Amino acid sequence: MIYLSLDKVHEALDAYKQAHALEPNNENYKQSIKLCEERLSGAGSAAAPPPAAVRIRAEFIVQNLTGRI
């Protein structure tokens, strides 16, 4: 989600896909991938903030998994 807040949608999508590969049953990752894909296609609202649970999980990913994947 940090990538999305910086408008780095491609990077966010890549990070969520990597996280999803590690935890394929995680619904937050699935929703985040969908959000990224919507933004890339222009269907999503760039101004709409993501749910808090998604932001928190994304921060966890960046803090704990960056460089490990």
N, C-alpha and C. Protein backbone atom coordinates (compact mmCIF):
# COMPACT_ATOMS: atom_id res chain seq x y z
N MET A 1 0.82 -1.19 0.00
CA MET A 1 0.00 0.00 0.00
C MET A 1 0.86 1.24 0.00
N ILE A 2 2.05 1.14 0.50
CA ILE A 2 2.95 2.28 0.46
C ILE A 2 3.23 2.66 -0.99
N TYR A 3 3.42 1.65 -1.83
CA TYR A 3 3.62 1.93 -3.25
C TYR A 3 2.41 2.65 -3.83
N LEU A 4 1.21 2.21 -3.47
CA LEU A 4 0.02 2.86 -3.99
C LEU A 4 -0.09 4.30 -3.51
N SER A 5 0.28 4.54 -2.27
CA SER A 5 0.21 5.91 -1.75
C SER A 5 1.20 6.81 -2.48
N LEU A 6 2.25 6.23 -3.04
CA LEU A 6 3.22 6.98 -3.83
C LEU A 6 2.88 6.94 -5.32
N ASP A 7 1.72 6.38 -5.64
CA ASP A 7 1.25 6.22 -7.01
C ASP A 7 2.17 5.33 -7.84
N LYS A 8 2.75 4.33 -7.19
CA LYS A 8 3.59 3.34 -7.87
C LYS A 8 2.78 2.05 -7.97
N VAL A 9 1.78 2.08 -8.84
CA VAL A 9 0.81 1.00 -8.92
C VAL A 9 1.45 -0.28 -9.44
N HIS A 10 2.32 -0.18 -10.42
CA HIS A 10 2.98 -1.38 -10.96
C HIS A 10 3.81 -2.08 -9.88
N GLU A 11 4.53 -1.28 -9.10
CA GLU A 11 5.34 -1.85 -8.02
C GLU A 11 4.46 -2.48 -6.95
N ALA A 12 3.35 -1.83 -6.64
CA ALA A 12 2.42 -2.37 -5.66
C ALA A 12 1.85 -3.70 -6.14
N LEU A 13 1.46 -3.75 -7.40
CA LEU A 13 0.90 -4.98 -7.96
C LEU A 13 1.92 -6.11 -7.88
N ASP A 14 3.16 -5.83 -8.24
CA ASP A 14 4.21 -6.85 -8.15
C ASP A 14 4.40 -7.35 -6.72
N ALA A 15 4.41 -6.42 -5.76
CA ALA A 15 4.59 -6.79 -4.35
C ALA A 15 3.43 -7.65 -3.85
N TYR A 16 2.21 -7.26 -4.21
CA TYR A 16 1.05 -8.05 -3.76
C TYR A 16 1.02 -9.42 -4.42
N LYS A 17 1.44 -9.51 -5.67
CA LYS A 17 1.48 -10.82 -6.33
C LYS A 17 2.51 -11.72 -5.66
N GLN A 18 3.64 -11.16 -5.27
CA GLN A 18 4.66 -11.95 -4.57
C GLN A 18 4.14 -12.40 -3.20
N ALA A 19 3.49 -11.50 -2.50
CA ALA A 19 2.93 -11.85 -1.19
C ALA A 19 1.83 -12.90 -1.35
N HIS A 20 1.02 -12.76 -2.38
CA HIS A 20 -0.06 -13.72 -2.63
C HIS A 20 0.51 -15.10 -2.94
N ALA A 21 1.65 -15.15 -3.62
CA ALA A 21 2.28 -16.44 -3.90
C ALA A 21 2.71 -17.13 -2.61
N LEU A 22 3.08 -16.34 -1.60
CA LEU A 22 3.47 -16.91 -0.31
C LEU A 22 2.27 -17.30 0.54
N GLU A 23 1.19 -16.55 0.41
CA GLU A 23 -0.04 -16.79 1.18
C GLU A 23 -1.24 -16.75 0.23
N PRO A 24 -1.45 -17.80 -0.56
CA PRO A 24 -2.50 -17.77 -1.58
C PRO A 24 -3.92 -17.66 -1.05
N ASN A 25 -4.15 -17.94 0.20
CA ASN A 25 -5.51 -17.85 0.75
C ASN A 25 -5.79 -16.52 1.43
N ASN A 26 -4.84 -15.61 1.38
CA ASN A 26 -5.00 -14.31 2.05
C ASN A 26 -5.89 -13.40 1.20
N GLU A 27 -7.08 -13.11 1.73
CA GLU A 27 -8.05 -12.30 1.00
C GLU A 27 -7.59 -10.85 0.82
N ASN A 28 -6.82 -10.33 1.77
CA ASN A 28 -6.32 -8.96 1.63
C ASN A 28 -5.44 -8.82 0.41
N TYR A 29 -4.60 -9.80 0.16
CA TYR A 29 -3.74 -9.75 -1.03
C TYR A 29 -4.58 -9.81 -2.30
N LYS A 30 -5.58 -10.68 -2.31
CA LYS A 30 -6.45 -10.80 -3.49
C LYS A 30 -7.15 -9.48 -3.77
N GLN A 31 -7.67 -8.84 -2.72
CA GLN A 31 -8.36 -7.56 -2.88
C GLN A 31 -7.39 -6.47 -3.33
N SER A 32 -6.20 -6.50 -2.82
CA SER A 32 -5.20 -5.48 -3.18
C SER A 32 -4.77 -5.64 -4.64
N ILE A 33 -4.62 -6.88 -5.08
CA ILE A 33 -4.28 -7.13 -6.48
C ILE A 33 -5.39 -6.60 -7.37
N LYS A 34 -6.63 -6.86 -6.99
CA LYS A 34 -7.77 -6.37 -7.76
C LYS A 34 -7.78 -4.84 -7.80
N LEU A 35 -7.51 -4.19 -6.67
CA LEU A 35 -7.45 -2.73 -6.61
C LEU A 35 -6.37 -2.20 -7.56
N CYS A 36 -5.21 -2.80 -7.53
CA CYS A 36 -4.12 -2.36 -8.40
C CYS A 36 -4.51 -2.52 -9.87
N GLU A 37 -5.08 -3.66 -10.19
CA GLU A 37 -5.48 -3.90 -11.58
C GLU A 37 -6.55 -2.91 -12.02
N GLU A 38 -7.47 -2.55 -11.13
CA GLU A 38 -8.49 -1.56 -11.45
C GLU A 38 -7.85 -0.19 -11.69
N ARG A 39 -6.91 0.17 -10.87
CA ARG A 39 -6.24 1.46 -11.06
C ARG A 39 -5.48 1.50 -12.37
N LEU A 40 -4.83 0.39 -12.71
CA LEU A 40 -4.08 0.35 -13.96
C LEU A 40 -5.00 0.42 -15.17
N SER A 41 -6.19 -0.13 -15.05
CA SER A 41 -7.13 -0.11 -16.16
C SER A 41 -7.93 1.19 -16.20
N GLY A 42 -7.81 1.99 -15.15
CA GLY A 42 -8.55 3.24 -15.08
C GLY A 42 -9.92 3.08 -14.47
N ALA A 43 -10.30 1.86 -14.07
CA ALA A 43 -11.63 1.62 -13.51
C ALA A 43 -11.73 2.05 -12.06
N GLY A 44 -10.64 2.02 -11.33
CA GLY A 44 -10.68 2.37 -9.90
C GLY A 44 -10.50 3.86 -9.70
N SER A 45 -10.95 4.32 -8.59
CA SER A 45 -10.81 5.74 -8.25
C SER A 45 -9.46 5.94 -7.57
N ALA A 46 -8.61 6.75 -8.16
CA ALA A 46 -7.29 6.99 -7.58
C ALA A 46 -7.38 7.73 -6.26
N ALA A 47 -8.46 8.45 -6.03
CA ALA A 47 -8.60 9.22 -4.80
C ALA A 47 -9.15 8.39 -3.64
N ALA A 48 -9.73 7.25 -3.94
CA ALA A 48 -10.33 6.43 -2.88
C ALA A 48 -9.24 5.72 -2.08
N PRO A 49 -9.19 5.95 -0.78
CA PRO A 49 -8.18 5.28 0.04
C PRO A 49 -8.53 3.81 0.23
N PRO A 50 -7.53 2.97 0.40
CA PRO A 50 -7.80 1.55 0.62
C PRO A 50 -8.30 1.32 2.04
N PRO A 51 -8.91 0.18 2.29
CA PRO A 51 -9.33 -0.13 3.66
C PRO A 51 -8.13 -0.16 4.60
N ALA A 52 -8.35 0.19 5.85
CA ALA A 52 -7.26 0.26 6.83
C ALA A 52 -6.54 -1.07 6.97
N ALA A 53 -7.27 -2.17 6.93
CA ALA A 53 -6.63 -3.48 7.08
C ALA A 53 -5.65 -3.74 5.95
N VAL A 54 -5.96 -3.29 4.77
CA VAL A 54 -5.06 -3.48 3.63
C VAL A 54 -3.82 -2.61 3.81
N ARG A 55 -3.99 -1.37 4.26
CA ARG A 55 -2.83 -0.50 4.48
C ARG A 55 -1.91 -1.07 5.54
N ILE A 56 -2.46 -1.56 6.63
CA ILE A 56 -1.64 -2.11 7.70
C ILE A 56 -0.89 -3.34 7.22
N ARG A 57 -1.56 -4.21 6.50
CA ARG A 57 -0.92 -5.42 6.00
C ARG A 57 0.19 -5.07 5.02
N ALA A 58 -0.03 -4.07 4.18
CA ALA A 58 0.98 -3.66 3.22
C ALA A 58 2.21 -3.12 3.93
N GLU A 59 2.01 -2.35 4.98
CA GLU A 59 3.13 -1.84 5.75
C GLU A 59 3.92 -2.99 6.37
N PHE A 60 3.22 -4.02 6.83
CA PHE A 60 3.89 -5.19 7.38
C PHE A 60 4.75 -5.86 6.31
N ILE A 61 4.20 -5.99 5.12
CA ILE A 61 4.93 -6.63 4.02
C ILE A 61 6.21 -5.86 3.73
N VAL A 62 6.08 -4.56 3.59
CA VAL A 62 7.25 -3.76 3.24
C VAL A 62 8.29 -3.83 4.34
N GLN A 63 7.87 -3.76 5.59
CA GLN A 63 8.80 -3.77 6.71
C GLN A 63 9.46 -5.13 6.91
N ASN A 64 8.72 -6.21 6.66
CA ASN A 64 9.22 -7.53 7.04
C ASN A 64 9.61 -8.44 5.90
N LEU A 65 9.12 -8.20 4.72
CA LEU A 65 9.39 -9.11 3.62
C LEU A 65 10.24 -8.52 2.51
N THR A 66 10.44 -7.24 2.50
CA THR A 66 11.26 -6.62 1.46
C THR A 66 12.66 -7.21 1.50
N GLY A 67 13.08 -7.68 0.36
CA GLY A 67 14.40 -8.29 0.25
C GLY A 67 14.41 -9.78 0.54
N ARG A 68 13.35 -10.33 1.01
CA ARG A 68 13.27 -11.76 1.30
C ARG A 68 12.60 -12.54 0.19
N ILE A 69 11.90 -11.84 -0.67
CA ILE A 69 11.14 -12.52 -1.71
C ILE A 69 12.00 -12.63 -2.95
